[in-house]
N, C-alpha and C. Protein backbone atom coordinates (compact mmCIF):
# COMPACT_ATOMS: atom_id res chain seq x y z
N MET A 1 0.80 -1.13 -0.01
CA MET A 1 0.03 0.01 0.02
C MET A 1 0.84 1.26 -0.07
N SER A 2 0.66 2.15 -0.85
CA SER A 2 1.55 3.30 -1.02
C SER A 2 0.79 4.43 -0.16
N ARG A 3 1.65 5.35 0.33
CA ARG A 3 1.04 6.53 1.10
C ARG A 3 1.45 7.72 0.28
N LEU A 4 0.50 8.59 0.23
CA LEU A 4 0.76 9.96 -0.43
C LEU A 4 1.60 10.80 0.29
N LEU A 5 2.58 11.39 -0.23
CA LEU A 5 3.50 12.27 0.55
C LEU A 5 2.99 13.71 0.59
N PHE A 6 1.89 14.07 -0.23
CA PHE A 6 1.28 15.37 -0.23
C PHE A 6 -0.13 15.18 0.15
N PRO A 7 -0.69 16.08 0.80
CA PRO A 7 -2.20 15.91 1.13
C PRO A 7 -3.03 16.14 -0.18
N SER A 8 -4.16 15.50 -0.24
CA SER A 8 -4.98 15.57 -1.32
C SER A 8 -5.73 16.89 -1.41
N ARG A 9 -6.22 17.31 -2.47
CA ARG A 9 -7.06 18.51 -2.68
C ARG A 9 -8.19 18.58 -1.62
N ILE A 10 -8.76 17.56 -1.38
CA ILE A 10 -10.03 17.55 -0.45
C ILE A 10 -9.41 17.87 0.82
N GLU A 11 -8.21 17.28 1.35
CA GLU A 11 -7.59 17.60 2.67
C GLU A 11 -7.33 19.13 2.64
N LEU A 12 -6.64 19.67 1.48
CA LEU A 12 -6.25 21.01 1.50
C LEU A 12 -7.53 21.93 1.67
N VAL A 13 -8.56 21.64 1.06
CA VAL A 13 -9.75 22.48 1.13
C VAL A 13 -10.39 22.39 2.44
N ALA A 14 -10.26 21.22 3.18
CA ALA A 14 -10.73 21.13 4.56
C ALA A 14 -9.85 21.99 5.46
N VAL A 15 -8.56 21.92 5.38
CA VAL A 15 -7.73 22.74 6.15
C VAL A 15 -7.85 24.22 5.82
N THR A 16 -7.97 24.57 4.58
CA THR A 16 -8.12 25.95 4.30
C THR A 16 -9.32 26.50 4.75
N THR A 17 -10.45 25.72 4.65
CA THR A 17 -11.85 26.17 5.08
C THR A 17 -11.86 26.46 6.65
N GLY A 18 -11.11 25.40 7.29
CA GLY A 18 -11.00 25.56 8.69
C GLY A 18 -10.19 26.80 9.16
N LEU A 19 -9.15 27.22 8.41
CA LEU A 19 -8.36 28.33 8.67
C LEU A 19 -9.20 29.67 8.42
N VAL A 20 -9.91 29.65 7.35
CA VAL A 20 -10.67 30.75 7.05
C VAL A 20 -11.92 30.89 8.12
N VAL A 21 -12.52 29.96 8.58
CA VAL A 21 -13.40 29.96 9.68
C VAL A 21 -12.69 30.44 10.92
N ALA A 22 -11.50 29.99 11.31
CA ALA A 22 -10.87 30.61 12.37
C ALA A 22 -10.55 31.98 12.30
N LEU A 23 -10.08 32.38 11.17
CA LEU A 23 -9.78 33.85 10.95
C LEU A 23 -10.91 34.65 11.06
N ALA A 24 -11.98 34.21 10.47
CA ALA A 24 -13.26 35.05 10.53
C ALA A 24 -13.84 35.14 11.92
N ALA A 25 -13.60 34.16 12.71
CA ALA A 25 -14.10 34.21 14.03
C ALA A 25 -13.30 35.09 14.89
N GLY A 26 -12.06 35.39 14.37
CA GLY A 26 -11.20 36.25 15.22
C GLY A 26 -10.53 35.63 16.35
N CYS A 27 -9.73 34.69 16.10
CA CYS A 27 -9.05 34.00 17.20
C CYS A 27 -8.43 34.81 18.23
N SER A 28 -8.67 34.56 19.54
CA SER A 28 -8.08 35.44 20.53
C SER A 28 -6.64 35.18 20.68
N SER A 29 -6.03 34.21 19.93
CA SER A 29 -4.59 33.95 20.13
C SER A 29 -3.83 34.83 19.23
N ASP A 30 -4.51 35.70 18.41
CA ASP A 30 -3.96 36.56 17.55
C ASP A 30 -3.46 37.73 18.46
N ALA A 31 -2.11 38.02 18.37
CA ALA A 31 -1.62 39.07 19.16
C ALA A 31 -1.94 40.42 18.92
N SER A 32 -2.68 40.67 17.74
CA SER A 32 -3.25 42.05 17.40
C SER A 32 -4.57 42.23 18.08
N CYS A 33 -5.26 41.20 18.58
CA CYS A 33 -6.53 41.36 19.23
C CYS A 33 -6.42 41.95 20.58
N GLY A 34 -7.26 42.77 21.14
CA GLY A 34 -7.44 43.21 22.44
C GLY A 34 -7.21 44.60 22.74
N PRO A 35 -7.30 45.11 23.77
CA PRO A 35 -7.41 46.62 24.05
C PRO A 35 -6.01 47.09 23.94
N GLY A 36 -4.97 46.47 24.00
CA GLY A 36 -3.59 47.12 23.78
C GLY A 36 -3.15 48.09 24.92
N GLY A 37 -3.62 47.89 26.07
CA GLY A 37 -3.40 48.81 27.10
C GLY A 37 -4.24 49.88 27.45
N ALA A 38 -5.36 49.88 26.65
CA ALA A 38 -6.36 50.95 26.89
C ALA A 38 -6.90 50.81 28.26
N PRO A 39 -7.20 52.03 29.03
CA PRO A 39 -7.69 51.86 30.41
C PRO A 39 -9.05 51.45 30.43
N SER A 40 -9.41 50.84 31.60
CA SER A 40 -10.92 50.47 31.63
C SER A 40 -11.78 51.50 31.89
N ALA A 41 -11.32 52.76 32.24
CA ALA A 41 -12.28 53.91 32.30
C ALA A 41 -11.51 55.09 31.63
N GLY A 42 -12.27 55.78 30.77
CA GLY A 42 -11.52 56.86 30.14
C GLY A 42 -12.44 57.56 29.14
N ALA A 43 -13.61 57.12 28.84
CA ALA A 43 -14.54 57.76 27.86
C ALA A 43 -15.05 59.00 28.76
N VAL A 44 -14.82 60.15 28.43
CA VAL A 44 -15.23 61.37 29.24
C VAL A 44 -16.00 62.33 28.39
N THR A 45 -17.29 62.74 29.02
CA THR A 45 -17.95 63.88 28.41
C THR A 45 -17.52 65.04 29.37
N SER A 46 -17.15 66.13 28.64
CA SER A 46 -16.62 67.26 29.42
C SER A 46 -16.88 68.60 28.91
N ALA A 47 -17.04 69.59 29.60
CA ALA A 47 -17.10 70.98 29.27
C ALA A 47 -16.87 71.82 30.56
N THR A 48 -16.72 73.02 30.45
CA THR A 48 -16.40 73.84 31.63
C THR A 48 -17.43 73.40 32.82
N GLY A 49 -16.88 73.10 33.90
CA GLY A 49 -17.79 72.78 34.96
C GLY A 49 -18.57 71.44 34.96
N VAL A 50 -18.29 70.59 33.88
CA VAL A 50 -18.99 69.26 33.85
C VAL A 50 -17.91 68.18 33.24
N ALA A 51 -17.93 67.09 34.02
CA ALA A 51 -17.08 66.07 33.63
C ALA A 51 -17.77 64.72 34.06
N LEU A 52 -18.07 63.80 33.14
CA LEU A 52 -18.66 62.53 33.44
C LEU A 52 -17.62 61.62 32.82
N THR A 53 -17.24 60.53 33.51
CA THR A 53 -16.28 59.71 33.21
C THR A 53 -16.90 58.28 33.26
N PHE A 54 -16.84 57.37 31.98
CA PHE A 54 -17.41 56.29 31.81
C PHE A 54 -16.33 55.15 31.72
N GLY A 55 -16.77 53.90 32.29
CA GLY A 55 -15.76 52.77 32.08
C GLY A 55 -16.46 51.50 32.25
N GLY A 56 -15.77 50.48 32.47
CA GLY A 56 -16.38 49.03 32.56
C GLY A 56 -17.21 48.68 31.13
N PHE A 57 -16.61 49.00 30.12
CA PHE A 57 -17.47 48.82 28.88
C PHE A 57 -17.41 47.41 28.49
N VAL A 58 -18.67 46.88 28.05
CA VAL A 58 -18.89 45.49 27.54
C VAL A 58 -19.49 45.60 26.24
N GLY A 59 -18.98 44.82 25.39
CA GLY A 59 -19.68 44.72 24.02
C GLY A 59 -20.26 43.46 23.85
N GLY A 60 -21.47 43.44 23.21
CA GLY A 60 -22.15 42.21 22.94
C GLY A 60 -22.86 42.19 21.46
N ALA A 61 -22.84 41.14 20.74
CA ALA A 61 -23.33 41.02 19.48
C ALA A 61 -24.91 40.72 19.69
N ASN A 62 -25.61 41.90 19.81
CA ASN A 62 -27.01 41.78 20.32
C ASN A 62 -27.87 41.97 19.05
N ASN A 63 -27.26 42.46 17.90
CA ASN A 63 -28.07 42.92 16.84
C ASN A 63 -29.28 43.89 17.10
N ASP A 64 -28.96 44.87 18.06
CA ASP A 64 -29.76 45.96 18.38
C ASP A 64 -30.06 46.93 17.27
N CYS A 65 -29.01 47.19 16.32
CA CYS A 65 -29.09 48.18 15.25
C CYS A 65 -28.61 47.63 13.99
N PRO A 66 -29.23 46.55 13.43
CA PRO A 66 -28.64 45.91 12.30
C PRO A 66 -28.49 46.89 11.00
N ALA A 67 -27.52 46.74 10.24
CA ALA A 67 -27.31 47.59 9.04
C ALA A 67 -27.96 46.90 7.92
N THR A 68 -28.65 47.63 7.09
CA THR A 68 -29.18 47.01 5.84
C THR A 68 -28.11 46.78 4.95
N GLY A 69 -28.17 45.48 4.40
CA GLY A 69 -27.14 45.14 3.40
C GLY A 69 -25.79 44.66 4.10
N ALA A 70 -25.83 44.40 5.36
CA ALA A 70 -24.55 44.01 5.95
C ALA A 70 -24.34 42.56 5.48
N PRO A 71 -23.05 42.06 5.30
CA PRO A 71 -22.66 40.80 5.05
C PRO A 71 -23.20 39.79 5.97
N ALA A 72 -23.34 38.60 5.47
CA ALA A 72 -23.90 37.35 6.20
C ALA A 72 -22.82 37.27 7.47
N GLY A 73 -23.31 37.09 8.55
CA GLY A 73 -22.64 36.83 9.75
C GLY A 73 -22.17 38.13 10.41
N VAL A 74 -22.41 39.26 9.95
CA VAL A 74 -22.04 40.52 10.64
C VAL A 74 -23.33 40.93 11.50
N VAL A 75 -23.15 41.00 12.69
CA VAL A 75 -24.19 41.33 13.85
C VAL A 75 -23.79 42.60 14.29
N SER A 76 -24.84 43.55 14.48
CA SER A 76 -24.49 44.82 15.21
C SER A 76 -24.04 44.65 16.68
N LEU A 77 -23.23 45.49 17.14
CA LEU A 77 -22.55 45.42 18.36
C LEU A 77 -23.07 46.44 19.29
N THR A 78 -23.55 46.11 20.44
CA THR A 78 -24.00 47.00 21.47
C THR A 78 -22.85 47.16 22.48
N ILE A 79 -22.44 48.32 22.85
CA ILE A 79 -21.38 48.59 23.72
C ILE A 79 -22.07 49.37 24.98
N HIS A 80 -21.79 48.86 26.19
CA HIS A 80 -22.43 49.61 27.39
C HIS A 80 -21.41 49.82 28.53
N GLY A 81 -21.30 51.03 28.95
CA GLY A 81 -20.47 51.24 30.11
C GLY A 81 -21.17 52.06 31.08
N THR A 82 -20.67 52.17 32.36
CA THR A 82 -21.31 52.91 33.46
C THR A 82 -20.41 54.00 33.86
N GLN A 83 -20.96 55.02 34.48
CA GLN A 83 -20.22 56.23 34.84
C GLN A 83 -19.46 55.87 36.27
N THR A 84 -18.09 56.07 36.20
CA THR A 84 -17.35 55.78 37.28
C THR A 84 -17.33 56.85 38.37
N ASP A 85 -17.79 58.08 38.10
CA ASP A 85 -17.81 59.03 39.12
C ASP A 85 -19.22 59.66 39.33
N GLY A 86 -20.21 58.63 39.19
CA GLY A 86 -21.64 58.93 39.35
C GLY A 86 -22.49 57.90 39.13
N THR A 87 -23.75 57.95 38.78
CA THR A 87 -24.75 57.02 38.47
C THR A 87 -25.24 56.88 37.13
N GLY A 88 -24.48 57.27 36.13
CA GLY A 88 -24.91 57.37 34.69
C GLY A 88 -24.45 56.02 33.95
N GLN A 89 -24.81 56.14 32.63
CA GLN A 89 -24.43 55.16 31.70
C GLN A 89 -24.23 55.73 30.37
N LEU A 90 -23.47 54.92 29.52
CA LEU A 90 -23.28 55.33 28.16
C LEU A 90 -23.52 54.02 27.39
N THR A 91 -24.43 54.09 26.32
CA THR A 91 -24.77 52.95 25.42
C THR A 91 -24.52 53.30 24.08
N LEU A 92 -23.83 52.56 23.32
CA LEU A 92 -23.58 52.79 21.88
C LEU A 92 -24.00 51.56 21.12
N CYS A 93 -24.38 51.79 19.76
CA CYS A 93 -24.71 50.64 19.06
C CYS A 93 -23.94 50.79 17.71
N VAL A 94 -23.12 49.92 17.34
CA VAL A 94 -22.31 49.82 16.23
C VAL A 94 -22.97 48.91 15.07
N SER A 95 -23.57 49.52 13.97
CA SER A 95 -24.23 48.71 13.10
C SER A 95 -23.38 47.80 12.19
N ARG A 96 -22.21 48.22 12.04
CA ARG A 96 -21.17 47.44 11.19
C ARG A 96 -19.88 47.24 11.89
N PRO A 97 -19.72 46.50 12.92
CA PRO A 97 -18.49 46.24 13.60
C PRO A 97 -17.44 45.85 12.71
N ASP A 98 -17.70 45.23 11.54
CA ASP A 98 -16.63 44.81 10.83
C ASP A 98 -15.97 46.06 10.00
N LEU A 99 -16.62 47.00 9.74
CA LEU A 99 -16.13 48.32 9.28
C LEU A 99 -15.45 49.25 10.42
N LEU A 100 -15.77 48.96 11.70
CA LEU A 100 -15.02 49.72 12.66
C LEU A 100 -13.60 49.38 12.73
N THR A 101 -13.28 48.05 12.30
CA THR A 101 -11.80 47.71 12.26
C THR A 101 -10.96 48.31 11.19
N GLU A 102 -11.71 48.90 10.11
CA GLU A 102 -11.09 49.50 9.01
C GLU A 102 -10.90 50.94 9.00
N ARG A 103 -11.77 51.67 9.60
CA ARG A 103 -11.92 53.14 9.51
C ARG A 103 -12.62 53.64 10.63
N SER A 104 -12.52 54.95 10.77
CA SER A 104 -13.39 55.75 11.80
C SER A 104 -14.72 55.65 11.20
N GLN A 105 -15.69 55.67 12.02
CA GLN A 105 -17.16 55.68 11.71
C GLN A 105 -17.77 56.90 12.39
N ALA A 106 -18.78 57.42 11.69
CA ALA A 106 -19.51 58.69 12.28
C ALA A 106 -20.42 58.28 13.47
N LEU A 107 -20.26 58.97 14.58
CA LEU A 107 -21.19 59.10 15.62
C LEU A 107 -22.42 59.79 15.35
N GLY A 108 -23.57 59.36 15.87
CA GLY A 108 -24.77 60.04 15.62
C GLY A 108 -25.79 59.69 16.81
N GLY A 109 -26.88 60.37 16.69
CA GLY A 109 -27.96 60.03 17.73
C GLY A 109 -29.18 59.44 17.20
N ASP A 110 -29.19 59.24 15.86
CA ASP A 110 -30.33 58.59 15.25
C ASP A 110 -30.18 57.14 14.76
N ALA A 111 -31.12 56.42 14.43
CA ALA A 111 -31.08 55.01 13.81
C ALA A 111 -30.23 54.90 12.63
N SER A 112 -29.91 55.88 11.91
CA SER A 112 -29.11 55.79 10.64
C SER A 112 -27.55 55.98 10.96
N ALA A 113 -27.22 56.24 12.14
CA ALA A 113 -25.84 56.57 12.50
C ALA A 113 -24.91 55.29 12.41
N GLU A 114 -23.82 55.31 12.01
CA GLU A 114 -22.79 54.13 11.94
C GLU A 114 -22.58 53.72 13.40
N VAL A 115 -22.28 54.69 14.27
CA VAL A 115 -22.18 54.38 15.67
C VAL A 115 -23.16 55.20 16.42
N ARG A 116 -24.23 54.71 16.97
CA ARG A 116 -25.28 55.54 17.56
C ARG A 116 -25.10 55.62 18.95
N VAL A 117 -25.27 56.83 19.46
CA VAL A 117 -25.28 57.11 20.94
C VAL A 117 -26.70 56.89 21.33
N VAL A 118 -26.94 55.72 22.00
CA VAL A 118 -28.24 55.24 22.35
C VAL A 118 -28.76 55.98 23.51
N ASP A 119 -27.84 55.95 24.45
CA ASP A 119 -28.01 56.47 25.88
C ASP A 119 -26.79 57.01 26.44
N LEU A 120 -26.99 58.33 26.93
CA LEU A 120 -25.93 58.91 27.86
C LEU A 120 -26.42 59.72 28.92
N ASP A 121 -26.34 59.33 30.10
CA ASP A 121 -26.86 60.16 31.25
C ASP A 121 -25.80 60.04 32.32
N GLY A 122 -25.88 60.90 33.29
CA GLY A 122 -25.12 60.88 34.41
C GLY A 122 -25.40 61.91 35.44
N THR A 123 -24.71 61.74 36.52
CA THR A 123 -24.74 62.77 37.78
C THR A 123 -23.42 63.27 38.12
N THR A 124 -23.42 64.56 38.55
CA THR A 124 -22.31 65.06 39.28
C THR A 124 -22.64 66.45 39.88
N THR A 125 -21.84 66.56 40.89
CA THR A 125 -22.14 67.89 41.79
C THR A 125 -23.56 68.32 41.96
N GLY A 126 -24.50 67.39 42.31
CA GLY A 126 -25.96 67.63 42.60
C GLY A 126 -26.78 67.91 41.48
N CYS A 127 -26.28 67.72 40.27
CA CYS A 127 -27.09 67.81 38.91
C CYS A 127 -27.05 66.36 38.17
N SER A 128 -28.18 66.42 37.36
CA SER A 128 -28.18 65.11 36.48
C SER A 128 -28.16 65.65 35.17
N TYR A 129 -27.67 64.74 34.22
CA TYR A 129 -27.50 65.12 32.83
C TYR A 129 -28.03 63.94 31.97
N ALA A 130 -28.64 64.37 30.68
CA ALA A 130 -29.00 63.38 29.82
C ALA A 130 -28.81 63.90 28.48
N ALA A 131 -28.49 62.98 27.64
CA ALA A 131 -28.25 63.37 26.02
C ALA A 131 -29.55 64.09 25.62
N ASP A 132 -29.40 65.27 24.87
CA ASP A 132 -30.45 65.99 24.48
C ASP A 132 -30.67 65.57 22.94
N PRO A 133 -31.88 64.81 22.77
CA PRO A 133 -32.26 64.21 21.42
C PRO A 133 -32.44 65.31 20.38
N ALA A 134 -32.74 66.62 20.73
CA ALA A 134 -32.95 67.61 19.84
C ALA A 134 -31.69 68.06 19.10
N THR A 135 -30.48 67.90 19.76
CA THR A 135 -29.27 68.33 19.27
C THR A 135 -28.42 67.21 18.55
N PRO A 136 -27.95 67.28 17.38
CA PRO A 136 -27.20 66.27 16.79
C PRO A 136 -26.01 65.80 17.42
N VAL A 137 -25.61 64.65 17.36
CA VAL A 137 -24.25 64.13 17.93
C VAL A 137 -23.33 64.12 16.80
N THR A 138 -22.16 64.68 16.92
CA THR A 138 -21.13 64.63 15.76
C THR A 138 -19.90 63.94 16.25
N GLY A 139 -19.03 63.68 15.37
CA GLY A 139 -17.69 63.14 15.65
C GLY A 139 -17.49 61.66 15.13
N THR A 140 -16.50 61.10 15.46
CA THR A 140 -16.23 59.77 15.17
C THR A 140 -15.89 58.66 16.17
N ALA A 141 -15.95 57.51 15.79
CA ALA A 141 -15.56 56.41 16.62
C ALA A 141 -14.76 55.46 15.97
N SER A 142 -13.56 54.88 16.64
CA SER A 142 -12.70 53.97 15.85
C SER A 142 -12.28 52.91 16.99
N SER A 143 -11.60 52.05 16.33
CA SER A 143 -11.15 50.90 17.29
C SER A 143 -9.79 50.47 16.80
N SER A 144 -9.19 49.72 17.99
CA SER A 144 -7.87 48.96 17.57
C SER A 144 -8.15 47.70 18.43
N GLY A 145 -7.28 46.59 17.80
CA GLY A 145 -7.56 45.37 18.36
C GLY A 145 -8.82 44.70 18.33
N LEU A 146 -9.78 45.15 17.50
CA LEU A 146 -11.13 44.50 17.46
C LEU A 146 -10.98 43.29 16.47
N CYS A 147 -11.43 42.18 16.97
CA CYS A 147 -11.42 41.06 16.14
C CYS A 147 -12.82 40.29 16.37
N GLY A 148 -13.16 39.41 15.37
CA GLY A 148 -14.35 38.62 15.54
C GLY A 148 -15.43 39.62 15.48
N ASN A 149 -15.54 40.67 14.95
CA ASN A 149 -16.53 41.79 15.00
C ASN A 149 -17.04 42.12 16.26
N GLY A 150 -15.92 42.15 17.22
CA GLY A 150 -16.24 42.64 18.59
C GLY A 150 -16.65 41.59 19.58
N SER A 151 -16.69 40.27 19.01
CA SER A 151 -17.04 39.25 19.94
C SER A 151 -15.85 38.51 20.52
N ASP A 152 -14.60 38.77 20.03
CA ASP A 152 -13.43 37.99 20.56
C ASP A 152 -13.32 38.22 21.98
N PRO A 153 -13.01 37.23 22.69
CA PRO A 153 -12.75 37.17 24.15
C PRO A 153 -11.78 38.30 24.57
N ALA A 154 -10.80 38.50 23.63
CA ALA A 154 -9.68 39.47 24.04
C ALA A 154 -10.15 40.83 24.22
N GLY A 155 -11.31 41.19 23.62
CA GLY A 155 -11.87 42.55 23.78
C GLY A 155 -11.15 43.45 22.78
N PHE A 156 -11.24 44.82 22.95
CA PHE A 156 -10.64 45.72 21.92
C PHE A 156 -10.70 47.09 22.67
N ALA A 157 -9.96 48.06 21.87
CA ALA A 157 -9.99 49.41 22.49
C ALA A 157 -10.91 50.30 21.56
N LEU A 158 -11.70 51.17 22.23
CA LEU A 158 -12.61 51.97 21.52
C LEU A 158 -12.14 53.47 21.70
N VAL A 159 -12.08 54.14 20.67
CA VAL A 159 -11.64 55.54 20.65
C VAL A 159 -12.83 56.41 20.20
N LEU A 160 -13.18 57.36 21.05
CA LEU A 160 -14.30 58.31 20.79
C LEU A 160 -13.74 59.74 20.71
N ASP A 161 -14.28 60.41 19.71
CA ASP A 161 -13.95 61.93 19.31
C ASP A 161 -15.11 62.58 18.82
N GLY A 162 -16.03 63.06 19.78
CA GLY A 162 -17.30 63.55 19.30
C GLY A 162 -17.69 64.73 20.22
N ALA A 163 -18.91 65.18 19.88
CA ALA A 163 -19.68 66.18 20.56
C ALA A 163 -21.03 66.01 20.63
N LEU A 164 -21.65 66.46 21.63
CA LEU A 164 -23.05 66.35 21.81
C LEU A 164 -23.58 67.41 22.86
N ALA A 165 -24.96 67.60 22.98
CA ALA A 165 -25.52 68.51 24.05
C ALA A 165 -26.08 67.53 25.15
N LEU A 166 -26.07 68.02 26.32
CA LEU A 166 -26.76 67.34 27.49
C LEU A 166 -27.74 68.35 28.10
N THR A 167 -28.75 67.81 28.49
CA THR A 167 -29.80 68.53 29.35
C THR A 167 -29.41 68.48 30.73
N ARG A 168 -29.09 69.54 31.36
CA ARG A 168 -28.57 69.53 32.73
C ARG A 168 -29.80 70.05 33.60
N THR A 169 -30.06 69.17 34.62
CA THR A 169 -31.02 69.49 35.70
C THR A 169 -30.36 69.71 37.01
N CYS A 170 -30.39 70.87 37.62
CA CYS A 170 -29.93 71.04 39.04
C CYS A 170 -31.14 71.59 39.79
N GLY A 171 -31.68 70.77 40.52
CA GLY A 171 -32.92 71.21 41.19
C GLY A 171 -34.03 71.64 40.32
N ALA A 172 -34.50 72.89 40.38
CA ALA A 172 -35.55 73.34 39.44
C ALA A 172 -34.87 73.94 38.18
N ALA A 173 -33.57 74.20 38.12
CA ALA A 173 -33.01 74.76 37.00
C ALA A 173 -32.71 73.74 36.01
N VAL A 174 -33.14 74.05 34.71
CA VAL A 174 -32.85 73.21 33.54
C VAL A 174 -32.25 73.97 32.53
N ASP A 175 -31.15 73.57 31.92
CA ASP A 175 -30.57 74.15 30.83
C ASP A 175 -29.86 73.04 29.90
N THR A 176 -29.14 73.50 28.86
CA THR A 176 -28.46 72.64 27.99
C THR A 176 -27.12 73.10 27.89
N VAL A 177 -26.09 71.97 27.97
CA VAL A 177 -24.76 72.34 27.96
C VAL A 177 -24.07 71.41 26.82
N SER A 178 -23.16 72.08 25.94
CA SER A 178 -22.60 71.31 24.93
C SER A 178 -21.22 70.66 25.65
N VAL A 179 -20.95 69.48 25.31
CA VAL A 179 -19.87 68.72 25.71
C VAL A 179 -19.09 67.94 24.70
N ALA A 180 -17.92 67.71 24.96
CA ALA A 180 -17.03 66.74 24.13
C ALA A 180 -17.30 65.31 24.78
N LEU A 181 -17.10 64.47 23.75
CA LEU A 181 -17.19 63.02 24.28
C LEU A 181 -15.88 62.40 23.52
N ARG A 182 -14.92 62.18 24.57
CA ARG A 182 -13.54 61.70 24.07
C ARG A 182 -13.03 60.72 24.93
N GLY A 183 -12.12 59.97 24.31
CA GLY A 183 -11.30 58.98 25.27
C GLY A 183 -11.18 57.71 24.53
N ARG A 184 -10.06 57.07 25.07
CA ARG A 184 -9.78 55.73 24.49
C ARG A 184 -10.04 54.73 25.75
N VAL A 185 -10.67 53.72 25.45
CA VAL A 185 -11.21 52.91 26.63
C VAL A 185 -11.26 51.45 26.16
N ALA A 186 -10.98 50.48 27.21
CA ALA A 186 -10.99 49.14 26.93
C ALA A 186 -12.42 48.70 26.87
N VAL A 187 -12.81 47.78 25.86
CA VAL A 187 -14.22 47.08 25.89
C VAL A 187 -13.91 45.46 25.97
N SER A 188 -14.58 45.01 26.93
CA SER A 188 -14.52 43.44 27.02
C SER A 188 -15.70 42.88 26.29
N ALA A 189 -15.61 41.65 25.84
CA ALA A 189 -16.66 40.92 25.14
C ALA A 189 -17.77 40.49 26.09
N ASP A 190 -18.87 40.44 25.81
CA ASP A 190 -19.88 39.82 26.62
C ASP A 190 -20.00 38.33 26.61
């Protein structure tokens, strides 16, 4: 009985297919996956007299904001963090996490945004703050170390560089304050 010294075409297809599946899944053994030293807290909304810091971000492929025409297997990514210096939260939805690995995506407040600010609220110095839905959210979001469309156990780093308005409530006084939304922060996988 003779033994082949080279794998057959069928074996090569099976090995190649397995490799493609492993690459598409975003193996956490890839050294380029992960937050790369990004801090666990660091997304900050700030303006004169206002600073809300968010951290503890977790991302999950929940398909809360699916993109029309997304390739098969691409599921939108919901990212949620909590205020580290108060009682607020920041929730974002990335409709195409596969594109977030390639380029910055536009921040926005409506359903058509590439990265939607779903919820942003917080408290500090006796006042409460909430995203003002009447004012547009502007800026960009980008990532580094994002593998597996954000579901890789290694996590990734999220970078925010935007602006929005918050409704500020201090007792009976209510006004609107424009703030920056900036920072680089680690996101762990759900």
